[in-house]
Amino acid sequence: MYVFFTIFAHNLSYFAMNKTEKYQLLYEQVKALLNKENDEIANMANVAALIHETFKFWWTGFYRVIDNELVLGPFQGPVACTRIAYSKGVCGTSWKEAQTIVVKNVHDFPGHIACSSASQSEIVVPIFKENQVVAVLDIDSERLATFDETDKEWLEKIVELF
């Protein structure tokens, strides 16, 4: 019985955390995971799972730059687009501009690629190696205006760990 109440109390304290506190904890978890593993795919898989489980987003995953296009990498959520061209959609635009893009309403983004009609808002964060974008972290929500400056700040810190 004690174990149940301990787990229950821990879960209550987790749910009471604000977004910044969750990101602080997530950052430390990602840092610890990446410190022990050097395989890029394994790391992307675990980071996608951690983010997805922490925030319950609709879709969380990575696209890797391969042969001048973005190719689907590890992800959590429903089936996704497999390849995205340079400068196309939110992911391709983030790659081209080499900056994070926060979209409050994907239907207002020119050229948005609808991999899922359930997606309503999105954030895409580029990952750099030697000043070149090598991948992007793409997160979609089924709710409008899910992402803000807090998400941008912390997700950029997280991808810097790669």
Protein backbone atom coordinates (compact mmCIF):
# COMPACT_ATOMS: atom_id res chain seq x y z
CA MET A 1 0.00 0.00 0.00
CA TYR A 2 2.88 2.36 0.82
CA VAL A 3 4.33 1.94 -2.70
CA PHE A 4 0.99 2.84 -4.29
CA PHE A 5 0.67 6.02 -2.23
CA THR A 6 4.29 6.97 -2.91
CA ILE A 7 3.79 6.58 -6.68
CA PHE A 8 0.45 8.40 -6.48
CA ALA A 9 2.02 11.30 -4.54
CA HIS A 10 4.90 11.48 -7.04
CA ASN A 11 2.47 11.60 -9.96
CA LEU A 12 0.44 14.34 -8.26
CA SER A 13 3.56 16.45 -7.76
CA TYR A 14 4.53 15.88 -11.42
CA PHE A 15 1.12 16.99 -12.65
CA ALA A 16 1.35 20.05 -10.41
CA MET A 17 4.55 21.13 -12.20
CA ASN A 18 4.34 24.05 -14.58
CA LYS A 19 5.69 23.84 -18.13
CA THR A 20 9.10 25.29 -17.24
CA GLU A 21 9.56 22.84 -14.37
CA LYS A 22 8.68 19.93 -16.67
CA TYR A 23 11.21 21.16 -19.22
CA GLN A 24 13.89 21.50 -16.53
CA LEU A 25 13.35 17.89 -15.51
CA LEU A 26 13.16 16.75 -19.15
CA TYR A 27 16.41 18.57 -19.95
CA GLU A 28 18.24 16.73 -17.16
CA GLN A 29 16.80 13.40 -18.32
CA VAL A 30 17.86 14.02 -21.92
CA LYS A 31 21.30 15.15 -20.81
CA ALA A 32 21.77 11.93 -18.81
CA LEU A 33 20.55 9.75 -21.69
CA LEU A 34 22.72 11.37 -24.33
CA ASN A 35 25.75 11.27 -22.08
CA LYS A 36 25.67 7.47 -22.06
CA GLU A 37 24.96 6.77 -25.73
CA ASN A 38 26.56 7.99 -28.96
CA ASP A 39 24.24 6.38 -31.51
CA GLU A 40 22.25 9.19 -33.13
CA ILE A 41 19.18 7.09 -34.00
CA ALA A 42 18.95 5.57 -30.51
CA ASN A 43 19.24 9.03 -28.99
CA MET A 44 16.58 10.49 -31.26
CA ALA A 45 14.26 7.59 -30.41
CA ASN A 46 14.64 8.08 -26.68
CA VAL A 47 14.38 11.86 -26.84
CA ALA A 48 11.22 11.67 -28.99
CA ALA A 49 9.71 9.24 -26.47
CA LEU A 50 10.66 11.41 -23.47
CA ILE A 51 9.21 14.58 -24.95
CA HIS A 52 6.10 12.80 -26.17
CA GLU A 53 5.41 11.15 -22.82
CA THR A 54 6.16 14.29 -20.82
CA PHE A 55 3.80 16.60 -22.71
CA LYS A 56 1.39 14.19 -24.45
CA PHE A 57 1.82 15.93 -27.81
CA TRP A 58 0.05 14.60 -30.91
CA TRP A 59 3.28 13.82 -32.80
CA THR A 60 6.91 14.11 -31.74
CA GLY A 61 9.83 13.15 -33.92
CA PHE A 62 12.86 13.85 -36.00
CA TYR A 63 13.60 14.34 -39.67
CA ARG A 64 17.21 13.86 -40.73
CA VAL A 65 18.92 15.61 -43.63
CA ILE A 66 19.84 12.87 -46.11
CA ASP A 67 20.71 13.52 -49.77
CA ASN A 68 19.33 17.07 -49.67
CA GLU A 69 15.91 16.22 -48.24
CA LEU A 70 14.45 15.59 -44.82
CA VAL A 71 13.88 11.90 -44.18
CA LEU A 72 11.68 10.62 -41.38
CA GLY A 73 13.58 9.48 -38.32
CA PRO A 74 12.51 8.16 -34.92
CA PHE A 75 9.11 9.42 -33.80
CA GLN A 76 6.14 8.89 -31.50
CA GLY A 77 2.58 9.24 -32.79
CA PRO A 78 0.62 8.37 -35.92
CA VAL A 79 2.11 7.59 -39.33
CA ALA A 80 3.96 10.58 -40.78
CA CYS A 81 5.27 12.00 -44.03
CA THR A 82 8.40 10.10 -45.04
CA ARG A 83 10.27 12.78 -47.01
CA ILE A 84 10.11 16.56 -47.01
CA ALA A 85 11.84 18.76 -49.57
CA TYR A 86 14.12 21.67 -48.70
CA SER A 87 12.06 24.80 -47.94
CA LYS A 88 8.73 22.93 -48.07
CA GLY A 89 6.28 22.98 -45.16
CA VAL A 90 7.24 24.00 -41.64
CA CYS A 91 10.08 21.44 -41.40
CA GLY A 92 11.65 22.35 -44.74
CA THR A 93 11.33 26.05 -43.96
CA SER A 94 12.99 25.61 -40.57
CA TRP A 95 15.82 23.76 -42.31
CA LYS A 96 16.18 26.47 -44.97
CA GLU A 97 16.06 29.36 -42.49
CA ALA A 98 18.15 27.47 -39.90
CA GLN A 99 15.87 28.64 -37.11
CA THR A 100 13.04 27.46 -34.91
CA ILE A 101 9.56 28.05 -36.24
CA VAL A 102 6.51 28.19 -33.97
CA VAL A 103 3.17 27.91 -35.77
CA LYS A 104 0.05 28.71 -33.73
CA ASN A 105 -2.30 27.52 -36.49
CA VAL A 106 -0.87 25.28 -39.22
CA HIS A 107 -3.73 26.21 -41.56
CA ASP A 108 -2.33 29.75 -41.66
CA PHE A 109 1.19 28.63 -42.63
CA PRO A 110 1.77 29.01 -46.39
CA GLY A 111 2.65 25.64 -47.92
CA HIS A 112 1.96 23.64 -44.76
CA ILE A 113 2.26 19.91 -45.43
CA ALA A 114 -0.67 18.12 -43.81
CA CYS A 115 0.75 14.75 -42.81
CA SER A 116 -2.23 14.50 -40.45
CA SER A 117 -5.46 16.47 -40.53
CA ALA A 118 -5.49 16.31 -36.72
CA SER A 119 -2.44 18.57 -36.45
CA GLN A 120 -3.41 22.15 -35.51
CA SER A 121 -0.17 23.74 -34.25
CA GLU A 122 3.50 22.91 -34.65
CA ILE A 123 7.04 23.72 -33.58
CA VAL A 124 10.15 22.75 -35.55
CA VAL A 125 13.64 23.10 -34.08
CA PRO A 126 16.76 22.64 -36.24
CA ILE A 127 19.68 20.55 -35.01
CA PHE A 128 23.14 21.78 -35.97
CA LYS A 129 26.51 20.09 -36.42
CA GLU A 130 29.42 22.24 -37.56
CA ASN A 131 27.03 25.13 -38.30
CA GLN A 132 24.93 23.01 -40.70
CA VAL A 133 21.38 21.79 -40.11
CA VAL A 134 21.60 18.00 -39.92
CA ALA A 135 18.09 17.27 -38.62
CA VAL A 136 14.98 18.90 -37.21
CA LEU A 137 12.86 18.11 -34.19
CA ASP A 138 9.21 18.37 -35.24
CA ILE A 139 6.36 18.44 -32.72
CA ASP A 140 2.67 18.71 -33.59
CA SER A 141 -0.35 19.30 -31.38
CA GLU A 142 -4.01 18.61 -32.06
CA ARG A 143 -4.80 21.93 -30.33
CA LEU A 144 -4.27 25.45 -31.64
CA ALA A 145 -1.56 27.68 -30.16
CA THR A 146 0.05 24.93 -28.07
CA PHE A 147 3.63 26.16 -28.45
CA ASP A 148 5.16 29.36 -27.13
CA GLU A 149 8.50 30.94 -26.20
CA THR A 150 8.95 28.52 -23.29
CA ASP A 151 8.77 25.54 -25.66
CA LYS A 152 11.09 27.27 -28.12
CA GLU A 153 13.68 28.11 -25.45
CA TRP A 154 13.76 24.65 -23.85
CA LEU A 155 13.56 22.60 -27.04
CA GLU A 156 16.46 24.59 -28.48
CA LYS A 157 18.46 23.79 -25.32
CA ILE A 158 17.54 20.13 -25.62
CA VAL A 159 18.62 19.77 -29.28
CA GLU A 160 21.91 21.52 -28.46
CA LEU A 161 22.71 18.40 -26.41
CA PHE A 162 22.94 16.39 -29.63
